[in-house]
Amino acid sequence: MIPEHWSCWRRPLRSAGYETESVRSGTRALEVLSSKLVSAVVLDLLMPGMDGFEVIRHVRHEATLRELPIFMMTAKSLTKAELAVLTRETQALFHKNGSWQQQLRLPL
């Protein structure tokens, strides 16, 4: 599942054999996760209504989703505490203002 406006992720993931589904908000992501089996989630840290940290908290507290791989992307300047949470709770962190396309190849 990927944010709706991230079409740049869809093509490489689909060409690698993954089905993708895009949503507009963290709330909608949690709705989809409660009703559909997914292999991984790509989140934007800053989303309308519910930020990526809150989505992570919900996912990690749900027994059936606890081990779900989460990949986070952000342009936000992170505090040390925020970076520690994302390092602990996600599989990879991509910075939008960096060379994230190259970074994407490494964790996958």
N, C-alpha and C. Protein backbone atom coordinates (compact mmCIF):
# COMPACT_ATOMS: atom_id res chain seq x y z
N MET A 1 0.85 -1.15 0.00
CA MET A 1 0.00 0.00 0.00
C MET A 1 0.90 1.23 0.00
N ILE A 2 0.63 2.17 -0.90
CA ILE A 2 1.45 3.36 -1.01
C ILE A 2 0.57 4.60 -1.06
N PRO A 3 1.08 5.76 -0.64
CA PRO A 3 0.30 6.99 -0.75
C PRO A 3 -0.11 7.26 -2.18
N GLU A 4 -1.31 7.79 -2.35
CA GLU A 4 -1.89 7.96 -3.67
C GLU A 4 -1.03 8.80 -4.62
N HIS A 5 -0.39 9.83 -4.12
CA HIS A 5 0.37 10.73 -4.99
C HIS A 5 1.78 10.22 -5.31
N TRP A 6 2.16 9.05 -4.89
CA TRP A 6 3.50 8.53 -5.14
C TRP A 6 3.53 7.57 -6.31
N SER A 7 3.16 8.06 -7.47
CA SER A 7 3.15 7.20 -8.65
C SER A 7 4.54 6.68 -8.97
N CYS A 8 5.58 7.38 -8.53
CA CYS A 8 6.95 6.96 -8.80
C CYS A 8 7.28 5.61 -8.14
N TRP A 9 6.52 5.22 -7.13
CA TRP A 9 6.74 3.92 -6.47
C TRP A 9 6.00 2.80 -7.19
N ARG A 10 4.86 3.13 -7.80
CA ARG A 10 4.01 2.09 -8.38
C ARG A 10 4.71 1.28 -9.47
N ARG A 11 5.30 1.96 -10.43
CA ARG A 11 5.90 1.26 -11.58
C ARG A 11 6.99 0.27 -11.16
N PRO A 12 7.99 0.69 -10.36
CA PRO A 12 9.02 -0.28 -9.98
C PRO A 12 8.48 -1.44 -9.15
N LEU A 13 7.52 -1.16 -8.27
CA LEU A 13 6.96 -2.24 -7.45
C LEU A 13 6.14 -3.20 -8.30
N ARG A 14 5.34 -2.65 -9.19
CA ARG A 14 4.54 -3.53 -10.07
C ARG A 14 5.43 -4.33 -11.02
N SER A 15 6.48 -3.71 -11.53
CA SER A 15 7.37 -4.45 -12.44
C SER A 15 8.13 -5.55 -11.70
N ALA A 16 8.24 -5.42 -10.38
CA ALA A 16 8.87 -6.46 -9.57
C ALA A 16 7.85 -7.53 -9.14
N GLY A 17 6.60 -7.38 -9.59
CA GLY A 17 5.60 -8.40 -9.31
C GLY A 17 4.68 -8.10 -8.14
N TYR A 18 4.77 -6.89 -7.57
CA TYR A 18 3.92 -6.53 -6.44
C TYR A 18 2.65 -5.84 -6.91
N GLU A 19 1.55 -6.14 -6.24
CA GLU A 19 0.30 -5.41 -6.46
C GLU A 19 0.34 -4.19 -5.54
N THR A 20 -0.08 -3.04 -6.03
CA THR A 20 -0.07 -1.84 -5.19
C THR A 20 -1.48 -1.31 -5.01
N GLU A 21 -1.70 -0.67 -3.89
CA GLU A 21 -2.94 0.03 -3.62
C GLU A 21 -2.58 1.35 -2.97
N SER A 22 -3.18 2.42 -3.46
CA SER A 22 -2.88 3.75 -2.95
C SER A 22 -4.05 4.30 -2.15
N VAL A 23 -3.72 5.02 -1.09
CA VAL A 23 -4.75 5.67 -0.26
C VAL A 23 -4.32 7.11 0.01
N ARG A 24 -5.29 7.91 0.46
CA ARG A 24 -5.03 9.34 0.66
C ARG A 24 -4.66 9.72 2.09
N SER A 25 -4.88 8.85 3.06
CA SER A 25 -4.66 9.25 4.46
C SER A 25 -4.27 8.06 5.32
N GLY A 26 -3.74 8.38 6.49
CA GLY A 26 -3.40 7.34 7.46
C GLY A 26 -4.64 6.60 7.94
N THR A 27 -5.73 7.33 8.11
CA THR A 27 -6.99 6.71 8.53
C THR A 27 -7.44 5.68 7.51
N ARG A 28 -7.38 6.04 6.24
CA ARG A 28 -7.79 5.11 5.18
C ARG A 28 -6.82 3.92 5.12
N ALA A 29 -5.55 4.16 5.35
CA ALA A 29 -4.58 3.06 5.35
C ALA A 29 -4.95 2.04 6.42
N LEU A 30 -5.32 2.50 7.61
CA LEU A 30 -5.71 1.58 8.68
C LEU A 30 -6.98 0.83 8.33
N GLU A 31 -7.91 1.47 7.64
CA GLU A 31 -9.13 0.78 7.19
C GLU A 31 -8.78 -0.35 6.23
N VAL A 32 -7.90 -0.07 5.28
CA VAL A 32 -7.50 -1.09 4.32
C VAL A 32 -6.76 -2.22 5.03
N LEU A 33 -5.87 -1.87 5.94
CA LEU A 33 -5.11 -2.89 6.66
C LEU A 33 -6.00 -3.79 7.50
N SER A 34 -7.12 -3.28 7.96
CA SER A 34 -8.03 -4.11 8.77
C SER A 34 -8.88 -5.04 7.92
N SER A 35 -8.90 -4.81 6.61
CA SER A 35 -9.77 -5.62 5.77
C SER A 35 -9.06 -6.38 4.66
N LYS A 36 -7.77 -6.15 4.49
CA LYS A 36 -7.05 -6.76 3.38
C LYS A 36 -5.65 -7.17 3.82
N LEU A 37 -5.20 -8.30 3.34
CA LEU A 37 -3.84 -8.78 3.63
C LEU A 37 -2.87 -8.05 2.71
N VAL A 38 -1.88 -7.38 3.28
CA VAL A 38 -0.86 -6.70 2.49
C VAL A 38 0.52 -7.18 2.92
N SER A 39 1.48 -7.05 2.02
CA SER A 39 2.84 -7.51 2.30
C SER A 39 3.71 -6.45 2.95
N ALA A 40 3.42 -5.19 2.67
CA ALA A 40 4.22 -4.09 3.20
C ALA A 40 3.45 -2.78 3.03
N VAL A 41 3.90 -1.76 3.75
CA VAL A 41 3.29 -0.44 3.68
C VAL A 41 4.38 0.60 3.46
N VAL A 42 4.11 1.53 2.54
CA VAL A 42 4.96 2.69 2.33
C VAL A 42 4.17 3.89 2.85
N LEU A 43 4.73 4.60 3.81
CA LEU A 43 4.03 5.73 4.42
C LEU A 43 4.77 7.03 4.21
N ASP A 44 3.99 8.09 4.09
CA ASP A 44 4.54 9.43 4.19
C ASP A 44 4.41 9.81 5.66
N LEU A 45 5.43 10.39 6.23
CA LEU A 45 5.37 10.75 7.63
C LEU A 45 4.29 11.80 7.90
N LEU A 46 4.16 12.76 7.00
CA LEU A 46 3.18 13.83 7.18
C LEU A 46 1.99 13.58 6.26
N MET A 47 0.88 13.17 6.86
CA MET A 47 -0.34 12.88 6.12
C MET A 47 -1.50 13.63 6.75
N PRO A 48 -2.56 13.87 5.99
CA PRO A 48 -3.71 14.57 6.56
C PRO A 48 -4.43 13.72 7.61
N GLY A 49 -4.78 14.34 8.72
CA GLY A 49 -5.58 13.68 9.73
C GLY A 49 -4.83 12.80 10.71
N MET A 50 -3.90 12.04 10.24
CA MET A 50 -3.16 11.10 11.09
C MET A 50 -1.75 10.98 10.53
N ASP A 51 -0.75 11.31 11.33
CA ASP A 51 0.61 11.25 10.80
C ASP A 51 1.15 9.83 10.81
N GLY A 52 2.30 9.65 10.19
CA GLY A 52 2.91 8.33 10.09
C GLY A 52 3.24 7.69 11.42
N PHE A 53 3.61 8.51 12.42
CA PHE A 53 3.89 7.97 13.75
C PHE A 53 2.66 7.31 14.35
N GLU A 54 1.50 7.94 14.17
CA GLU A 54 0.27 7.39 14.70
C GLU A 54 -0.12 6.10 13.97
N VAL A 55 0.07 6.08 12.66
CA VAL A 55 -0.21 4.85 11.89
C VAL A 55 0.70 3.73 12.39
N ILE A 56 1.97 4.02 12.59
CA ILE A 56 2.91 3.01 13.09
C ILE A 56 2.44 2.48 14.44
N ARG A 57 2.04 3.37 15.35
CA ARG A 57 1.56 2.93 16.67
C ARG A 57 0.38 1.97 16.55
N HIS A 58 -0.58 2.31 15.68
CA HIS A 58 -1.74 1.44 15.49
C HIS A 58 -1.33 0.08 14.92
N VAL A 59 -0.46 0.11 13.93
CA VAL A 59 -0.02 -1.14 13.29
C VAL A 59 0.73 -2.02 14.28
N ARG A 60 1.64 -1.45 15.03
CA ARG A 60 2.45 -2.23 15.96
C ARG A 60 1.66 -2.75 17.17
N HIS A 61 0.51 -2.14 17.47
CA HIS A 61 -0.32 -2.63 18.57
C HIS A 61 -1.33 -3.69 18.13
N GLU A 62 -1.49 -3.88 16.84
CA GLU A 62 -2.41 -4.88 16.31
C GLU A 62 -1.64 -6.18 16.10
N ALA A 63 -2.04 -7.21 16.79
CA ALA A 63 -1.30 -8.48 16.76
C ALA A 63 -1.10 -9.01 15.34
N THR A 64 -2.11 -8.90 14.50
CA THR A 64 -2.01 -9.45 13.15
C THR A 64 -1.13 -8.61 12.23
N LEU A 65 -0.81 -7.39 12.64
CA LEU A 65 -0.01 -6.49 11.80
C LEU A 65 1.36 -6.18 12.38
N ARG A 66 1.63 -6.65 13.57
CA ARG A 66 2.82 -6.27 14.31
C ARG A 66 4.11 -6.44 13.50
N GLU A 67 4.19 -7.46 12.68
CA GLU A 67 5.41 -7.73 11.91
C GLU A 67 5.37 -7.16 10.49
N LEU A 68 4.35 -6.40 10.16
CA LEU A 68 4.20 -5.83 8.83
C LEU A 68 5.37 -4.89 8.51
N PRO A 69 6.07 -5.10 7.40
CA PRO A 69 7.16 -4.19 7.04
C PRO A 69 6.61 -2.80 6.69
N ILE A 70 7.23 -1.77 7.25
CA ILE A 70 6.83 -0.39 6.98
C ILE A 70 8.04 0.35 6.44
N PHE A 71 7.84 1.02 5.32
CA PHE A 71 8.86 1.86 4.71
C PHE A 71 8.36 3.29 4.80
N MET A 72 9.16 4.19 5.33
CA MET A 72 8.73 5.56 5.57
C MET A 72 9.50 6.52 4.68
N MET A 73 8.76 7.51 4.16
CA MET A 73 9.38 8.56 3.37
C MET A 73 8.96 9.90 3.95
N THR A 74 9.91 10.84 4.01
CA THR A 74 9.61 12.15 4.57
C THR A 74 10.57 13.21 4.05
N ALA A 75 10.09 14.43 4.08
CA ALA A 75 10.94 15.59 3.81
C ALA A 75 11.20 16.34 5.11
N LYS A 76 10.59 15.87 6.19
CA LYS A 76 10.67 16.52 7.50
C LYS A 76 12.08 16.39 8.08
N SER A 77 12.54 17.45 8.72
CA SER A 77 13.77 17.36 9.51
C SER A 77 13.41 16.66 10.81
N LEU A 78 14.03 15.54 11.06
CA LEU A 78 13.66 14.71 12.20
C LEU A 78 14.49 15.03 13.44
N THR A 79 13.84 14.97 14.59
CA THR A 79 14.57 15.08 15.84
C THR A 79 15.25 13.74 16.10
N LYS A 80 16.16 13.72 17.06
CA LYS A 80 16.82 12.46 17.42
C LYS A 80 15.80 11.44 17.91
N ALA A 81 14.81 11.89 18.67
CA ALA A 81 13.77 10.98 19.19
C ALA A 81 12.93 10.41 18.05
N GLU A 82 12.55 11.25 17.09
CA GLU A 82 11.76 10.78 15.95
C GLU A 82 12.56 9.79 15.11
N LEU A 83 13.83 10.09 14.89
CA LEU A 83 14.68 9.20 14.12
C LEU A 83 14.85 7.85 14.83
N ALA A 84 14.95 7.88 16.15
CA ALA A 84 15.07 6.63 16.91
C ALA A 84 13.82 5.77 16.75
N VAL A 85 12.64 6.40 16.80
CA VAL A 85 11.39 5.65 16.63
C VAL A 85 11.33 5.03 15.24
N LEU A 86 11.65 5.82 14.22
CA LEU A 86 11.57 5.31 12.85
C LEU A 86 12.62 4.23 12.59
N THR A 87 13.78 4.36 13.17
CA THR A 87 14.83 3.34 13.03
C THR A 87 14.38 2.03 13.66
N ARG A 88 13.72 2.13 14.80
CA ARG A 88 13.27 0.94 15.52
C ARG A 88 12.02 0.30 14.89
N GLU A 89 11.11 1.11 14.39
CA GLU A 89 9.79 0.61 13.98
C GLU A 89 9.60 0.42 12.49
N THR A 90 10.54 0.85 11.66
CA THR A 90 10.38 0.70 10.21
C THR A 90 11.57 -0.05 9.62
N GLN A 91 11.37 -0.54 8.41
CA GLN A 91 12.44 -1.26 7.73
C GLN A 91 13.39 -0.32 7.00
N ALA A 92 12.89 0.85 6.60
CA ALA A 92 13.74 1.81 5.89
C ALA A 92 13.11 3.19 5.97
N LEU A 93 13.97 4.19 5.94
CA LEU A 93 13.56 5.58 5.95
C LEU A 93 14.18 6.25 4.73
N PHE A 94 13.34 6.87 3.91
CA PHE A 94 13.80 7.56 2.72
C PHE A 94 13.53 9.05 2.87
N HIS A 95 14.51 9.86 2.55
CA HIS A 95 14.35 11.31 2.61
C HIS A 95 13.99 11.82 1.22
N LYS A 96 12.87 12.51 1.11
CA LYS A 96 12.41 13.01 -0.18
C LYS A 96 13.41 13.96 -0.82
N ASN A 97 14.14 14.70 -0.01
CA ASN A 97 15.09 15.65 -0.57
C ASN A 97 16.45 15.01 -0.87
N GLY A 98 16.55 13.72 -0.70
CA GLY A 98 17.79 13.01 -0.97
C GLY A 98 17.67 12.16 -2.22
N SER A 99 18.58 11.26 -2.38
CA SER A 99 18.57 10.37 -3.54
C SER A 99 17.77 9.11 -3.18
N TRP A 100 16.48 9.29 -2.90
CA TRP A 100 15.67 8.19 -2.42
C TRP A 100 15.51 7.07 -3.44
N GLN A 101 15.56 7.39 -4.74
CA GLN A 101 15.44 6.33 -5.74
C GLN A 101 16.60 5.34 -5.61
N GLN A 102 17.79 5.84 -5.34
CA GLN A 102 18.93 4.95 -5.13
C GLN A 102 18.81 4.23 -3.80
N GLN A 103 18.33 4.95 -2.77
CA GLN A 103 18.14 4.34 -1.46
C GLN A 103 17.12 3.21 -1.54
N LEU A 104 16.11 3.35 -2.38
CA LEU A 104 15.04 2.35 -2.48
C LEU A 104 15.60 0.98 -2.87
N ARG A 105 16.58 0.94 -3.69
CA ARG A 105 17.14 -0.34 -4.12
C ARG A 105 17.84 -1.10 -3.02
N LEU A 106 18.37 -0.41 -2.03
CA LEU A 106 19.15 -1.06 -0.97
C LEU A 106 18.31 -1.91 -0.02
N PRO A 107 17.25 -1.37 0.62
CA PRO A 107 16.51 -2.18 1.58
C PRO A 107 15.69 -3.30 0.95
N LEU A 108 15.22 -3.11 -0.29
CA LEU A 108 14.39 -4.12 -0.91
C LEU A 108 15.23 -5.27 -1.38
